[in-house]
Amino acid sequence: MKIAKDAIIELKDRTGAGIMDCKNVLVECNGDVDKAVELLRKKGIAKSEKKRERKTDEGIVEAYIHPGARLGVLVEIACESDFVARTPGFKTLVRDIAMQIAASNPTWIDKKDVPDEVVEKEKTIYECQAKESGKPEKVIPKIVEGKIENFYKEACLLDQAFIKNLDISVEALIKEHIAKFGENIRVTRFARFKVGG
């Protein structure tokens, strides 16, 4: 099947993937650019999992000050090379994550950072709430499990829905960029400051 040059260019612009990757995926998707974007994302995210263990010794610190100067964020995001750290795409990602932190006020980066005692305390609270509301004993563990997942989605940056696209999590956003840049990317630390709070 012959693929139009315009379709390849559009797919490259939308995903940042290489020309040959774009062409091959378009052939696989019978020239449908939207399907090709989705397939490239799936393939890229699968590849990105392998990169997540690689060392990240480069990166940047971004400062975001919300309009009105009463709320600010400092975030450090690491990658593997100075070359990637200097790209506009990486800088945009870091700024977006700083804005995410300003808007969503996470407590931890990842659910594995949440202390066990905090998780146990939350579980106890949810269990008591379920019992108080008269839920049957056998469904309480499922209710607690669901509430813990929601707790992670509020308290952990990577589990939060991305404020610019609520269909994906911050973790999925980072995985897309790992696939795009071909390097591991990690949020290493952040601090959120609010006047009077």
N, C-alpha and C. Protein backbone atom coordinates (compact mmCIF):
# COMPACT_ATOMS: atom_id res chain seq x y z
N MET A 1 0.84 -1.20 0.00
CA MET A 1 0.00 0.00 0.00
C MET A 1 0.88 1.26 0.00
N LYS A 2 0.55 2.20 -0.88
CA LYS A 2 1.32 3.45 -0.96
C LYS A 2 0.77 4.45 0.05
N ILE A 3 1.66 4.99 0.84
CA ILE A 3 1.25 5.94 1.88
C ILE A 3 1.63 7.35 1.44
N ALA A 4 0.67 8.27 1.54
CA ALA A 4 0.90 9.66 1.15
C ALA A 4 1.95 10.30 2.05
N LYS A 5 2.82 11.08 1.41
CA LYS A 5 3.89 11.77 2.15
C LYS A 5 3.30 12.69 3.23
N ASP A 6 2.16 13.34 2.91
CA ASP A 6 1.51 14.25 3.86
C ASP A 6 1.10 13.51 5.15
N ALA A 7 0.61 12.28 4.98
CA ALA A 7 0.18 11.48 6.13
C ALA A 7 1.37 11.16 7.02
N ILE A 8 2.51 10.82 6.40
CA ILE A 8 3.73 10.51 7.16
C ILE A 8 4.19 11.74 7.94
N ILE A 9 4.18 12.89 7.27
CA ILE A 9 4.62 14.14 7.91
C ILE A 9 3.68 14.51 9.07
N GLU A 10 2.36 14.35 8.84
CA GLU A 10 1.38 14.67 9.89
C GLU A 10 1.61 13.77 11.12
N LEU A 11 1.82 12.46 10.84
CA LEU A 11 2.03 11.52 11.94
C LEU A 11 3.33 11.83 12.69
N LYS A 12 4.36 12.19 11.94
CA LYS A 12 5.65 12.55 12.57
C LYS A 12 5.47 13.79 13.46
N ASP A 13 4.74 14.80 12.94
CA ASP A 13 4.50 16.02 13.71
C ASP A 13 3.70 15.75 14.99
N ARG A 14 2.73 14.86 14.88
CA ARG A 14 1.85 14.58 16.02
C ARG A 14 2.49 13.70 17.09
N THR A 15 3.45 12.87 16.69
CA THR A 15 4.00 11.91 17.65
C THR A 15 5.49 12.08 17.93
N GLY A 16 6.22 12.73 17.02
CA GLY A 16 7.66 12.85 17.20
C GLY A 16 8.42 11.58 16.85
N ALA A 17 7.70 10.59 16.29
CA ALA A 17 8.34 9.32 15.91
C ALA A 17 9.16 9.50 14.63
N GLY A 18 10.06 8.55 14.38
CA GLY A 18 10.89 8.60 13.17
C GLY A 18 10.08 8.35 11.90
N ILE A 19 10.62 8.80 10.75
CA ILE A 19 9.93 8.67 9.45
C ILE A 19 9.58 7.22 9.14
N MET A 20 10.54 6.31 9.29
CA MET A 20 10.28 4.90 8.96
C MET A 20 9.24 4.28 9.89
N ASP A 21 9.31 4.62 11.17
CA ASP A 21 8.30 4.13 12.12
C ASP A 21 6.92 4.62 11.70
N CYS A 22 6.82 5.89 11.34
CA CYS A 22 5.55 6.47 10.90
C CYS A 22 5.02 5.75 9.66
N LYS A 23 5.90 5.54 8.69
CA LYS A 23 5.49 4.88 7.45
C LYS A 23 5.00 3.45 7.72
N ASN A 24 5.77 2.70 8.51
CA ASN A 24 5.40 1.31 8.80
C ASN A 24 4.07 1.20 9.53
N VAL A 25 3.86 2.09 10.50
CA VAL A 25 2.61 2.05 11.26
C VAL A 25 1.43 2.48 10.39
N LEU A 26 1.64 3.44 9.50
CA LEU A 26 0.57 3.86 8.58
C LEU A 26 0.18 2.72 7.64
N VAL A 27 1.16 1.95 7.19
CA VAL A 27 0.87 0.77 6.35
C VAL A 27 0.02 -0.21 7.15
N GLU A 28 0.43 -0.43 8.39
CA GLU A 28 -0.29 -1.35 9.28
C GLU A 28 -1.73 -0.90 9.53
N CYS A 29 -1.95 0.43 9.53
CA CYS A 29 -3.27 1.00 9.82
C CYS A 29 -4.00 1.45 8.55
N ASN A 30 -3.57 0.96 7.39
CA ASN A 30 -4.20 1.29 6.10
C ASN A 30 -4.32 2.80 5.86
N GLY A 31 -3.30 3.55 6.30
CA GLY A 31 -3.25 4.99 6.04
C GLY A 31 -4.06 5.85 7.00
N ASP A 32 -4.71 5.26 7.97
CA ASP A 32 -5.52 6.00 8.95
C ASP A 32 -4.60 6.64 10.00
N VAL A 33 -4.45 7.96 9.93
CA VAL A 33 -3.50 8.67 10.79
C VAL A 33 -3.89 8.56 12.26
N ASP A 34 -5.18 8.70 12.57
CA ASP A 34 -5.62 8.63 13.98
C ASP A 34 -5.32 7.26 14.59
N LYS A 35 -5.59 6.20 13.84
CA LYS A 35 -5.29 4.84 14.32
C LYS A 35 -3.78 4.66 14.48
N ALA A 36 -3.03 5.25 13.55
CA ALA A 36 -1.57 5.15 13.59
C ALA A 36 -1.02 5.86 14.83
N VAL A 37 -1.59 7.01 15.19
CA VAL A 37 -1.17 7.73 16.40
C VAL A 37 -1.37 6.84 17.62
N GLU A 38 -2.55 6.21 17.69
CA GLU A 38 -2.87 5.33 18.82
C GLU A 38 -1.92 4.14 18.89
N LEU A 39 -1.66 3.53 17.72
CA LEU A 39 -0.77 2.36 17.68
C LEU A 39 0.66 2.75 18.06
N LEU A 40 1.12 3.88 17.57
CA LEU A 40 2.47 4.35 17.92
C LEU A 40 2.58 4.61 19.41
N ARG A 41 1.53 5.19 20.00
CA ARG A 41 1.55 5.44 21.44
C ARG A 41 1.65 4.13 22.20
N LYS A 42 0.86 3.14 21.79
CA LYS A 42 0.89 1.83 22.46
C LYS A 42 2.27 1.20 22.34
N LYS A 43 2.83 1.23 21.13
CA LYS A 43 4.16 0.63 20.92
C LYS A 43 5.22 1.40 21.70
N GLY A 44 5.12 2.71 21.68
CA GLY A 44 6.10 3.55 22.38
C GLY A 44 6.04 3.36 23.88
N ILE A 45 4.83 3.26 24.41
CA ILE A 45 4.67 3.07 25.85
C ILE A 45 5.21 1.71 26.25
N ALA A 46 5.01 0.71 25.42
CA ALA A 46 5.55 -0.63 25.72
C ALA A 46 7.08 -0.57 25.75
N LYS A 47 7.66 0.14 24.78
CA LYS A 47 9.13 0.28 24.75
C LYS A 47 9.63 1.09 25.94
N SER A 48 8.83 2.09 26.34
CA SER A 48 9.27 2.98 27.42
C SER A 48 9.43 2.24 28.74
N GLU A 49 8.65 1.17 28.94
CA GLU A 49 8.77 0.39 30.18
C GLU A 49 10.19 -0.14 30.36
N LYS A 50 10.83 -0.54 29.25
CA LYS A 50 12.19 -1.09 29.32
C LYS A 50 13.21 -0.02 29.71
N LYS A 51 12.88 1.22 29.39
CA LYS A 51 13.83 2.32 29.65
C LYS A 51 13.74 2.85 31.08
N ARG A 52 12.71 2.48 31.82
CA ARG A 52 12.45 3.08 33.12
C ARG A 52 13.48 2.74 34.19
N GLU A 53 14.32 1.77 33.93
CA GLU A 53 15.34 1.41 34.93
C GLU A 53 16.68 2.10 34.65
N ARG A 54 16.78 2.79 33.52
CA ARG A 54 18.05 3.41 33.16
C ARG A 54 18.33 4.64 34.03
N LYS A 55 19.63 4.94 34.22
CA LYS A 55 20.06 6.05 35.07
C LYS A 55 19.66 7.39 34.47
N THR A 56 19.28 8.31 35.36
CA THR A 56 18.90 9.66 34.94
C THR A 56 19.75 10.66 35.72
N ASP A 57 20.84 11.10 35.10
CA ASP A 57 21.78 12.00 35.78
C ASP A 57 21.69 13.44 35.26
N GLU A 58 20.84 13.67 34.27
CA GLU A 58 20.68 15.02 33.73
C GLU A 58 19.24 15.47 34.01
N GLY A 59 18.87 16.64 33.52
CA GLY A 59 17.52 17.12 33.72
C GLY A 59 17.50 18.60 34.03
N ILE A 60 16.34 19.09 34.49
CA ILE A 60 16.23 20.51 34.83
C ILE A 60 15.33 20.69 36.05
N VAL A 61 15.50 21.86 36.67
CA VAL A 61 14.62 22.30 37.75
C VAL A 61 13.77 23.42 37.16
N GLU A 62 12.47 23.32 37.34
CA GLU A 62 11.55 24.33 36.82
C GLU A 62 10.86 25.02 37.98
N ALA A 63 10.74 26.34 37.88
CA ALA A 63 9.96 27.11 38.86
C ALA A 63 8.70 27.58 38.16
N TYR A 64 7.57 27.35 38.80
CA TYR A 64 6.30 27.84 38.26
C TYR A 64 5.64 28.70 39.33
N ILE A 65 5.32 29.93 38.97
CA ILE A 65 4.62 30.84 39.88
C ILE A 65 3.24 31.11 39.28
N HIS A 66 2.22 30.75 40.04
CA HIS A 66 0.85 30.94 39.57
C HIS A 66 0.52 32.43 39.51
N PRO A 67 -0.31 32.87 38.54
CA PRO A 67 -0.69 34.29 38.48
C PRO A 67 -1.22 34.77 39.83
N GLY A 68 -0.73 35.92 40.24
CA GLY A 68 -1.09 36.46 41.55
C GLY A 68 0.03 36.26 42.56
N ALA A 69 1.00 35.42 42.20
CA ALA A 69 2.21 35.18 42.99
C ALA A 69 1.93 34.73 44.43
N ARG A 70 0.84 33.97 44.62
CA ARG A 70 0.54 33.45 45.96
C ARG A 70 0.77 31.93 46.04
N LEU A 71 1.13 31.35 44.89
CA LEU A 71 1.34 29.90 44.82
C LEU A 71 2.49 29.63 43.87
N GLY A 72 3.44 28.81 44.31
CA GLY A 72 4.59 28.51 43.46
C GLY A 72 5.04 27.06 43.64
N VAL A 73 5.73 26.56 42.62
CA VAL A 73 6.21 25.17 42.62
C VAL A 73 7.64 25.15 42.11
N LEU A 74 8.46 24.32 42.75
CA LEU A 74 9.77 23.96 42.23
C LEU A 74 9.73 22.46 41.97
N VAL A 75 10.11 22.03 40.78
CA VAL A 75 10.12 20.60 40.47
C VAL A 75 11.42 20.24 39.75
N GLU A 76 11.98 19.09 40.10
CA GLU A 76 13.17 18.58 39.43
C GLU A 76 12.75 17.34 38.63
N ILE A 77 13.04 17.39 37.33
CA ILE A 77 12.74 16.24 36.48
C ILE A 77 14.03 15.83 35.79
N ALA A 78 14.34 14.53 35.93
CA ALA A 78 15.62 14.01 35.43
C ALA A 78 15.41 13.23 34.15
N CYS A 79 16.45 13.25 33.31
CA CYS A 79 16.49 12.44 32.09
C CYS A 79 17.92 11.91 31.95
N GLU A 80 18.21 11.27 30.83
CA GLU A 80 19.52 10.63 30.68
C GLU A 80 20.59 11.53 30.09
N SER A 81 20.18 12.53 29.28
CA SER A 81 21.19 13.34 28.61
C SER A 81 20.86 14.83 28.66
N ASP A 82 21.90 15.63 28.63
CA ASP A 82 21.76 17.07 28.59
C ASP A 82 21.08 17.50 27.30
N PHE A 83 21.32 16.73 26.23
CA PHE A 83 20.71 17.03 24.92
C PHE A 83 19.19 17.06 25.05
N VAL A 84 18.61 16.01 25.65
CA VAL A 84 17.15 15.94 25.82
C VAL A 84 16.68 17.02 26.79
N ALA A 85 17.42 17.24 27.86
CA ALA A 85 17.04 18.24 28.87
C ALA A 85 16.88 19.63 28.27
N ARG A 86 17.62 19.91 27.19
CA ARG A 86 17.58 21.24 26.57
C ARG A 86 16.52 21.37 25.48
N THR A 87 15.83 20.28 25.14
CA THR A 87 14.84 20.36 24.05
C THR A 87 13.57 21.08 24.52
N PRO A 88 12.92 21.80 23.60
CA PRO A 88 11.66 22.48 23.96
C PRO A 88 10.59 21.50 24.46
N GLY A 89 10.55 20.30 23.87
CA GLY A 89 9.55 19.31 24.29
C GLY A 89 9.72 18.88 25.73
N PHE A 90 10.97 18.70 26.16
CA PHE A 90 11.24 18.30 27.54
C PHE A 90 10.89 19.45 28.49
N LYS A 91 11.26 20.67 28.09
CA LYS A 91 10.97 21.83 28.92
C LYS A 91 9.46 22.02 29.09
N THR A 92 8.71 21.77 28.02
CA THR A 92 7.25 21.87 28.08
C THR A 92 6.69 20.83 29.04
N LEU A 93 7.22 19.61 28.96
CA LEU A 93 6.78 18.54 29.87
C LEU A 93 7.01 18.95 31.33
N VAL A 94 8.19 19.48 31.61
CA VAL A 94 8.54 19.87 32.99
C VAL A 94 7.62 20.99 33.47
N ARG A 95 7.35 21.94 32.59
CA ARG A 95 6.45 23.05 32.96
C ARG A 95 5.04 22.52 33.22
N ASP A 96 4.58 21.61 32.36
CA ASP A 96 3.24 21.03 32.55
C ASP A 96 3.14 20.31 33.90
N ILE A 97 4.21 19.61 34.26
CA ILE A 97 4.18 18.88 35.54
C ILE A 97 4.23 19.86 36.71
N ALA A 98 4.97 20.95 36.57
CA ALA A 98 4.99 21.99 37.62
C ALA A 98 3.58 22.58 37.79
N MET A 99 2.90 22.83 36.67
CA MET A 99 1.53 23.36 36.74
C MET A 99 0.59 22.33 37.36
N GLN A 100 0.80 21.05 37.05
CA GLN A 100 0.00 19.96 37.63
C GLN A 100 0.12 19.98 39.16
N ILE A 101 1.35 20.13 39.64
CA ILE A 101 1.60 20.15 41.08
C ILE A 101 0.93 21.37 41.72
N ALA A 102 1.01 22.51 41.04
CA ALA A 102 0.36 23.72 41.55
C ALA A 102 -1.15 23.51 41.66
N ALA A 103 -1.74 22.91 40.63
CA ALA A 103 -3.20 22.74 40.58
C ALA A 103 -3.71 21.62 41.48
N SER A 104 -2.98 20.51 41.54
CA SER A 104 -3.52 19.30 42.19
C SER A 104 -2.94 18.99 43.56
N ASN A 105 -1.90 19.71 43.97
CA ASN A 105 -1.32 19.58 45.30
C ASN A 105 -1.07 18.13 45.75
N PRO A 106 -0.28 17.35 45.01
CA PRO A 106 0.02 15.99 45.46
C PRO A 106 0.92 16.01 46.69
N THR A 107 0.90 14.92 47.45
CA THR A 107 1.76 14.81 48.63
C THR A 107 3.01 14.01 48.31
N TRP A 108 2.86 12.99 47.46
CA TRP A 108 3.96 12.10 47.09
C TRP A 108 4.07 12.03 45.58
N ILE A 109 5.22 11.56 45.08
CA ILE A 109 5.41 11.36 43.64
C ILE A 109 4.69 10.10 43.20
N ASP A 110 4.94 8.99 43.89
CA ASP A 110 4.47 7.67 43.46
C ASP A 110 3.82 6.97 44.64
N LYS A 111 2.92 6.03 44.37
CA LYS A 111 2.25 5.31 45.46
C LYS A 111 3.23 4.52 46.33
N LYS A 112 4.36 4.11 45.74
CA LYS A 112 5.35 3.38 46.55
C LYS A 112 6.04 4.29 47.58
N ASP A 113 5.87 5.61 47.42
CA ASP A 113 6.44 6.57 48.37
C ASP A 113 5.55 6.77 49.60
N VAL A 114 4.29 6.33 49.51
CA VAL A 114 3.35 6.54 50.61
C VAL A 114 3.72 5.58 51.75
N PRO A 115 3.98 6.11 52.96
CA PRO A 115 4.34 5.23 54.08
C PRO A 115 3.23 4.22 54.38
N ASP A 116 3.64 3.00 54.75
CA ASP A 116 2.67 1.93 55.06
C ASP A 116 1.67 2.35 56.12
N GLU A 117 2.15 3.08 57.13
CA GLU A 117 1.24 3.47 58.21
C GLU A 117 0.14 4.41 57.72
N VAL A 118 0.45 5.23 56.71
CA VAL A 118 -0.57 6.13 56.14
C VAL A 118 -1.63 5.30 55.41
N VAL A 119 -1.16 4.33 54.61
CA VAL A 119 -2.10 3.46 53.87
C VAL A 119 -2.98 2.69 54.85
N GLU A 120 -2.37 2.14 55.90
CA GLU A 120 -3.14 1.37 56.89
C GLU A 120 -4.18 2.25 57.60
N LYS A 121 -3.79 3.47 57.91
CA LYS A 121 -4.71 4.41 58.58
C LYS A 121 -5.90 4.71 57.66
N GLU A 122 -5.61 4.97 56.38
CA GLU A 122 -6.68 5.24 55.41
C GLU A 122 -7.62 4.03 55.28
N LYS A 123 -7.03 2.83 55.21
CA LYS A 123 -7.85 1.61 55.09
C LYS A 123 -8.78 1.47 56.29
N THR A 124 -8.27 1.75 57.48
CA THR A 124 -9.07 1.65 58.71
C THR A 124 -10.25 2.63 58.65
N ILE A 125 -9.96 3.85 58.22
CA ILE A 125 -11.02 4.88 58.11
C ILE A 125 -12.09 4.42 57.12
N TYR A 126 -11.67 3.93 55.94
CA TYR A 126 -12.63 3.52 54.91
C TYR A 126 -13.45 2.32 55.37
N GLU A 127 -12.80 1.42 56.10
CA GLU A 127 -13.48 0.24 56.62
C GLU A 127 -14.57 0.66 57.61
N CYS A 128 -14.23 1.57 58.51
CA CYS A 128 -15.20 2.08 59.50
C CYS A 128 -16.37 2.77 58.80
N GLN A 129 -16.05 3.59 57.78
CA GLN A 129 -17.10 4.30 57.03
C GLN A 129 -18.07 3.30 56.39
N ALA A 130 -17.49 2.24 55.77
CA ALA A 130 -18.33 1.24 55.09
C ALA A 130 -19.22 0.51 56.09
N LYS A 131 -18.66 0.16 57.24
CA LYS A 131 -19.44 -0.54 58.29
C LYS A 131 -20.54 0.37 58.82
N GLU A 132 -20.19 1.65 59.07
CA GLU A 132 -21.17 2.62 59.60
C GLU A 132 -22.34 2.81 58.64
N SER A 133 -22.05 2.74 57.34
CA SER A 133 -23.13 2.95 56.36
C SER A 133 -23.95 1.69 56.12
N GLY A 134 -23.61 0.62 56.86
CA GLY A 134 -24.40 -0.61 56.79
C GLY A 134 -24.11 -1.50 55.59
N LYS A 135 -22.95 -1.37 55.00
CA LYS A 135 -22.58 -2.23 53.86
C LYS A 135 -22.38 -3.66 54.33
N PRO A 136 -22.75 -4.65 53.48
CA PRO A 136 -22.53 -6.05 53.86
C PRO A 136 -21.03 -6.34 54.03
N GLU A 137 -20.70 -7.16 55.02
CA GLU A 137 -19.32 -7.50 55.38
C GLU A 137 -18.49 -7.95 54.19
N LYS A 138 -19.11 -8.76 53.29
CA LYS A 138 -18.34 -9.34 52.18
C LYS A 138 -17.92 -8.32 51.12
N VAL A 139 -18.62 -7.17 51.03
CA VAL A 139 -18.24 -6.17 50.01
C VAL A 139 -17.28 -5.11 50.54
N ILE A 140 -17.09 -5.08 51.85
CA ILE A 140 -16.25 -4.04 52.46
C ILE A 140 -14.82 -4.05 51.91
N PRO A 141 -14.14 -5.22 51.78
CA PRO A 141 -12.77 -5.18 51.22
C PRO A 141 -12.70 -4.55 49.83
N LYS A 142 -13.71 -4.79 48.97
CA LYS A 142 -13.73 -4.19 47.62
C LYS A 142 -13.91 -2.68 47.72
N ILE A 143 -14.78 -2.25 48.62
CA ILE A 143 -15.02 -0.81 48.81
C ILE A 143 -13.73 -0.13 49.27
N VAL A 144 -13.06 -0.75 50.25
CA VAL A 144 -11.80 -0.19 50.78
C VAL A 144 -10.75 -0.11 49.67
N GLU A 145 -10.65 -1.17 48.87
CA GLU A 145 -9.69 -1.20 47.76
C GLU A 145 -9.95 -0.06 46.78
N GLY A 146 -11.21 0.16 46.43
CA GLY A 146 -11.57 1.25 45.51
C GLY A 146 -11.24 2.61 46.08
N LYS A 147 -11.50 2.78 47.38
CA LYS A 147 -11.23 4.06 48.02
C LYS A 147 -9.72 4.33 48.13
N ILE A 148 -8.95 3.27 48.35
CA ILE A 148 -7.48 3.42 48.40
C ILE A 148 -6.96 3.86 47.03
N GLU A 149 -7.50 3.26 45.96
CA GLU A 149 -7.09 3.67 44.60
C GLU A 149 -7.40 5.15 44.38
N ASN A 150 -8.58 5.60 44.84
CA ASN A 150 -8.94 7.01 44.72
C ASN A 150 -8.02 7.90 45.55
N PHE A 151 -7.63 7.41 46.72
CA PHE A 151 -6.68 8.13 47.57
C PHE A 151 -5.36 8.34 46.82
N TYR A 152 -4.86 7.28 46.17
CA TYR A 152 -3.62 7.39 45.38
C TYR A 152 -3.79 8.41 44.25
N LYS A 153 -4.96 8.41 43.61
CA LYS A 153 -5.20 9.33 42.48
C LYS A 153 -5.22 10.79 42.92
N GLU A 154 -5.50 11.02 44.19
CA GLU A 154 -5.46 12.39 44.71
C GLU A 154 -4.10 12.76 45.28
N ALA A 155 -3.49 11.81 46.00
CA ALA A 155 -2.29 12.13 46.78
C ALA A 155 -0.97 11.90 46.05
N CYS A 156 -0.98 11.09 44.98
CA CYS A 156 0.28 10.73 44.29
C CYS A 156 0.31 11.34 42.90
N LEU A 157 1.33 12.13 42.64
CA LEU A 157 1.46 12.86 41.37
C LEU A 157 1.28 11.95 40.15
N LEU A 158 2.00 10.82 40.11
CA LEU A 158 1.97 9.96 38.93
C LEU A 158 0.60 9.34 38.68
N ASP A 159 -0.20 9.18 39.73
CA ASP A 159 -1.53 8.58 39.59
C ASP A 159 -2.60 9.59 39.24
N GLN A 160 -2.29 10.87 39.37
CA GLN A 160 -3.30 11.91 39.10
C GLN A 160 -3.63 11.99 37.61
N ALA A 161 -4.88 12.37 37.32
CA ALA A 161 -5.27 12.65 35.94
C ALA A 161 -4.54 13.93 35.53
N PHE A 162 -3.98 13.93 34.32
CA PHE A 162 -3.23 15.09 33.83
C PHE A 162 -4.20 16.24 33.57
N ILE A 163 -3.96 17.40 34.15
CA ILE A 163 -4.91 18.51 34.09
C ILE A 163 -5.21 18.99 32.66
N LYS A 164 -4.29 18.78 31.71
CA LYS A 164 -4.54 19.23 30.34
C LYS A 164 -5.22 18.16 29.48
N ASN A 165 -5.27 16.93 29.99
CA ASN A 165 -5.95 15.83 29.30
C ASN A 165 -6.34 14.79 30.35
N LEU A 166 -7.56 14.92 30.85
CA LEU A 166 -8.01 14.10 31.98
C LEU A 166 -8.14 12.62 31.63
N ASP A 167 -7.99 12.28 30.33
CA ASP A 167 -8.08 10.88 29.91
C ASP A 167 -6.80 10.10 30.22
N ILE A 168 -5.72 10.81 30.53
CA ILE A 168 -4.46 10.11 30.82
C ILE A 168 -3.93 10.54 32.18
N SER A 169 -3.13 9.68 32.79
CA SER A 169 -2.50 10.02 34.07
C SER A 169 -1.17 10.75 33.80
N VAL A 170 -0.62 11.35 34.82
CA VAL A 170 0.70 11.99 34.70
C VAL A 170 1.74 10.92 34.34
N GLU A 171 1.59 9.73 34.90
CA GLU A 171 2.52 8.64 34.59
C GLU A 171 2.46 8.29 33.10
N ALA A 172 1.24 8.22 32.53
CA ALA A 172 1.09 7.92 31.10
C ALA A 172 1.71 9.04 30.25
N LEU A 173 1.54 10.28 30.69
CA LEU A 173 2.15 11.42 29.99
C LEU A 173 3.67 11.27 29.96
N ILE A 174 4.26 10.91 31.10
CA ILE A 174 5.71 10.74 31.17
C ILE A 174 6.15 9.58 30.29
N LYS A 175 5.40 8.48 30.29
CA LYS A 175 5.73 7.32 29.45
C LYS A 175 5.71 7.70 27.97
N GLU A 176 4.74 8.53 27.58
CA GLU A 176 4.70 9.00 26.18
C GLU A 176 5.97 9.75 25.83
N HIS A 177 6.45 10.57 26.77
CA HIS A 177 7.67 11.34 26.50
C HIS A 177 8.92 10.46 26.55
N ILE A 178 8.90 9.40 27.37
CA ILE A 178 10.01 8.44 27.36
C ILE A 178 10.09 7.80 25.97
N ALA A 179 8.92 7.44 25.44
CA ALA A 179 8.86 6.84 24.10
C ALA A 179 9.32 7.84 23.03
N LYS A 180 8.89 9.08 23.18
CA LYS A 180 9.23 10.12 22.19
C LYS A 180 10.72 10.43 22.17
N PHE A 181 11.33 10.58 23.36
CA PHE A 181 12.74 10.96 23.44
C PHE A 181 13.68 9.77 23.44
N GLY A 182 13.16 8.58 23.72
CA GLY A 182 14.01 7.39 23.77
C GLY A 182 14.92 7.36 24.99
N GLU A 183 14.51 8.09 26.04
CA GLU A 183 15.29 8.15 27.27
C GLU A 183 14.37 8.01 28.47
N ASN A 184 14.92 7.52 29.56
CA ASN A 184 14.17 7.46 30.81
C ASN A 184 13.97 8.89 31.34
N ILE A 185 12.80 9.13 31.91
CA ILE A 185 12.47 10.43 32.50
C ILE A 185 11.83 10.15 33.86
N ARG A 186 12.28 10.88 34.89
CA ARG A 186 11.73 10.68 36.23
C ARG A 186 11.49 12.02 36.94
N VAL A 187 10.38 12.09 37.65
CA VAL A 187 10.19 13.22 38.57
C VAL A 187 10.97 12.84 39.82
N THR A 188 11.97 13.62 40.18
CA THR A 188 12.81 13.24 41.32
C THR A 188 12.39 13.91 42.63
N ARG A 189 11.89 15.13 42.56
CA ARG A 189 11.39 15.80 43.77
C ARG A 189 10.65 17.07 43.40
N PHE A 190 9.83 17.52 44.34
CA PHE A 190 9.12 18.79 44.11
C PHE A 190 8.79 19.43 45.46
N ALA A 191 8.53 20.73 45.40
CA ALA A 191 8.06 21.48 46.58
C ALA A 191 7.01 22.47 46.09
N ARG A 192 5.93 22.56 46.86
CA ARG A 192 4.83 23.47 46.51
C ARG A 192 4.70 24.49 47.65
N PHE A 193 4.67 25.76 47.30
CA PHE A 193 4.59 26.82 48.30
C PHE A 193 3.33 27.63 48.09
N LYS A 194 2.62 27.92 49.18
CA LYS A 194 1.41 28.72 49.08
C LYS A 194 1.44 29.76 50.20
N VAL A 195 1.18 31.00 49.85
CA VAL A 195 1.18 32.07 50.85
C VAL A 195 0.09 31.77 51.90
N GLY A 196 0.50 31.79 53.15
CA GLY A 196 -0.44 31.54 54.23
C GLY A 196 -0.79 30.07 54.44
N GLY A 197 -0.15 29.18 53.68
CA GLY A 197 -0.50 27.76 53.84
C GLY A 197 0.70 26.93 53.73
